[in-house]
């Protein structure tokens, strides 16, 4: 599974909610929040992109097609070239 997880409530899904926040005279900032518990930014983490894995991603590596693949501790980056 790729996507996101919430460390607060355990939600897992393809996309967190995104909203815009403006404080004082500062420009608006996009923030992500969990669609279940509505906690913001600090609780949203990316999931490992290995098929079937539901662990939180801790690192990543560039891919041959110019993208970036997220990995957990069980699936370290490997040389796919």
C-alpha atoms as a PDB file:
ATOM      1  CA  UNK A   1       0.000   0.000   0.000  1.00  0.00           C
ATOM      2  CA  UNK A   2       1.213   3.449  -0.733  1.00  0.00           C
ATOM      3  CA  UNK A   3      -0.390   6.512   0.684  1.00  0.00           C
ATOM      4  CA  UNK A   4      -0.542   8.039   4.117  1.00  0.00           C
ATOM      5  CA  UNK A   5      -1.175   7.120   7.747  1.00  0.00           C
ATOM      6  CA  UNK A   6      -2.121   9.139  10.841  1.00  0.00           C
ATOM      7  CA  UNK A   7      -0.052   8.494  13.952  1.00  0.00           C
ATOM      8  CA  UNK A   8      -2.850   9.867  16.138  1.00  0.00           C
ATOM      9  CA  UNK A   9      -5.816   7.649  15.171  1.00  0.00           C
ATOM     10  CA  UNK A  10      -4.336   5.004  12.819  1.00  0.00           C
ATOM     11  CA  UNK A  11      -6.216   6.116   9.669  1.00  0.00           C
ATOM     12  CA  UNK A  12      -4.670   4.901   6.406  1.00  0.00           C
ATOM     13  CA  UNK A  13      -5.599   6.181   2.983  1.00  0.00           C
ATOM     14  CA  UNK A  14      -4.444   7.502  -0.356  1.00  0.00           C
ATOM     15  CA  UNK A  15      -4.671  11.220   0.434  1.00  0.00           C
ATOM     16  CA  UNK A  16      -5.009  13.335   3.590  1.00  0.00           C
ATOM     17  CA  UNK A  17      -7.203  16.433   3.590  1.00  0.00           C
ATOM     18  CA  UNK A  18      -5.477  19.646   2.523  1.00  0.00           C
ATOM     19  CA  UNK A  19      -6.615  23.062   3.685  1.00  0.00           C
ATOM     20  CA  UNK A  20      -5.190  26.589   3.644  1.00  0.00           C
ATOM     21  CA  UNK A  21      -4.347  28.523   6.794  1.00  0.00           C
ATOM     22  CA  UNK A  22      -3.415  32.157   7.160  1.00  0.00           C
ATOM     23  CA  UNK A  23      -2.100  33.564  10.437  1.00  0.00           C
ATOM     24  CA  UNK A  24      -1.502  37.251  10.978  1.00  0.00           C
ATOM     25  CA  UNK A  25       0.061  39.013   8.008  1.00  0.00           C
ATOM     26  CA  UNK A  26       1.808  35.875   6.753  1.00  0.00           C
ATOM     27  CA  UNK A  27       0.985  34.299   3.369  1.00  0.00           C
ATOM     28  CA  UNK A  28      -1.453  31.382   3.311  1.00  0.00           C
ATOM     29  CA  UNK A  29       0.083  27.961   3.986  1.00  0.00           C
ATOM     30  CA  UNK A  30      -1.217  24.564   2.870  1.00  0.00           C
ATOM     31  CA  UNK A  31      -1.594  22.127   5.754  1.00  0.00           C
ATOM     32  CA  UNK A  32      -2.512  18.462   5.706  1.00  0.00           C
ATOM     33  CA  UNK A  33      -4.916  16.917   8.182  1.00  0.00           C
ATOM     34  CA  UNK A  34      -6.312  13.483   8.875  1.00  0.00           C
ATOM     35  CA  UNK A  35      -9.824  12.985   7.431  1.00  0.00           C
ATOM     36  CA  UNK A  36     -10.781  10.890  10.492  1.00  0.00           C
ATOM     37  CA  UNK A  37      -9.521  12.779  13.566  1.00  0.00           C
ATOM     38  CA  UNK A  38      -8.702  16.143  11.885  1.00  0.00           C
ATOM     39  CA  UNK A  39      -5.258  16.377  13.537  1.00  0.00           C
ATOM     40  CA  UNK A  40      -2.840  18.400  11.392  1.00  0.00           C
ATOM     41  CA  UNK A  41       0.626  18.077   9.784  1.00  0.00           C
ATOM     42  CA  UNK A  42       2.685  16.410  12.512  1.00  0.00           C
ATOM     43  CA  UNK A  43       0.483  13.285  12.638  1.00  0.00           C
ATOM     44  CA  UNK A  44       0.429  12.554   8.870  1.00  0.00           C
ATOM     45  CA  UNK A  45       3.149  10.184   7.625  1.00  0.00           C
ATOM     46  CA  UNK A  46       3.812   8.563   4.248  1.00  0.00           C
ATOM     47  CA  UNK A  47       3.481   4.771   3.953  1.00  0.00           C
ATOM     48  CA  UNK A  48       5.972   2.384   2.375  1.00  0.00           C
ATOM     49  CA  UNK A  49       5.392   1.944  -1.361  1.00  0.00           C
ATOM     50  CA  UNK A  50       6.301  -1.748  -1.514  1.00  0.00           C
ATOM     51  CA  UNK A  51       3.249  -3.780  -2.631  1.00  0.00           C
ATOM     52  CA  UNK A  52       1.308  -5.138   0.340  1.00  0.00           C
ATOM     53  CA  UNK A  53       3.292  -3.228   2.988  1.00  0.00           C
ATOM     54  CA  UNK A  54       1.461  -1.055   5.533  1.00  0.00           C
ATOM     55  CA  UNK A  55       4.493   0.239   7.475  1.00  0.00           C
ATOM     56  CA  UNK A  56       5.346   3.929   7.848  1.00  0.00           C
ATOM     57  CA  UNK A  57       8.029   5.078   5.390  1.00  0.00           C
ATOM     58  CA  UNK A  58      11.296   6.214   6.917  1.00  0.00           C
ATOM     59  CA  UNK A  59      13.427   6.829   3.850  1.00  0.00           C
ATOM     60  CA  UNK A  60      13.252   6.897   0.083  1.00  0.00           C
ATOM     61  CA  UNK A  61      15.259   6.742  -3.094  1.00  0.00           C
ATOM     62  CA  UNK A  62      15.067   8.283  -6.580  1.00  0.00           C
ATOM     63  CA  UNK A  63      13.654   6.022  -9.290  1.00  0.00           C
ATOM     64  CA  UNK A  64      14.901   5.534 -12.853  1.00  0.00           C
ATOM     65  CA  UNK A  65      11.864   7.387 -14.255  1.00  0.00           C
ATOM     66  CA  UNK A  66      12.633  10.550 -12.256  1.00  0.00           C
ATOM     67  CA  UNK A  67      10.203   9.811  -9.418  1.00  0.00           C
ATOM     68  CA  UNK A  68      10.853   8.984  -5.782  1.00  0.00           C
ATOM     69  CA  UNK A  69       9.923   5.769  -3.916  1.00  0.00           C
ATOM     70  CA  UNK A  70       9.231   5.727  -0.152  1.00  0.00           C
ATOM     71  CA  UNK A  71      10.511   2.769   1.938  1.00  0.00           C
ATOM     72  CA  UNK A  72      10.074   1.415   5.468  1.00  0.00           C
ATOM     73  CA  UNK A  73      12.726  -0.271   7.636  1.00  0.00           C
ATOM     74  CA  UNK A  74      11.685  -3.692   6.255  1.00  0.00           C
ATOM     75  CA  UNK A  75      12.205  -2.650   2.614  1.00  0.00           C
ATOM     76  CA  UNK A  76      15.434  -0.662   2.293  1.00  0.00           C
ATOM     77  CA  UNK A  77      16.281   0.920  -1.075  1.00  0.00           C
ATOM     78  CA  UNK A  78      17.851  -1.455  -3.571  1.00  0.00           C
ATOM     79  CA  UNK A  79      19.548  -0.975  -6.898  1.00  0.00           C
ATOM     80  CA  UNK A  80      16.874  -1.787  -9.519  1.00  0.00           C
ATOM     81  CA  UNK A  81      19.000  -0.722 -12.501  1.00  0.00           C
END
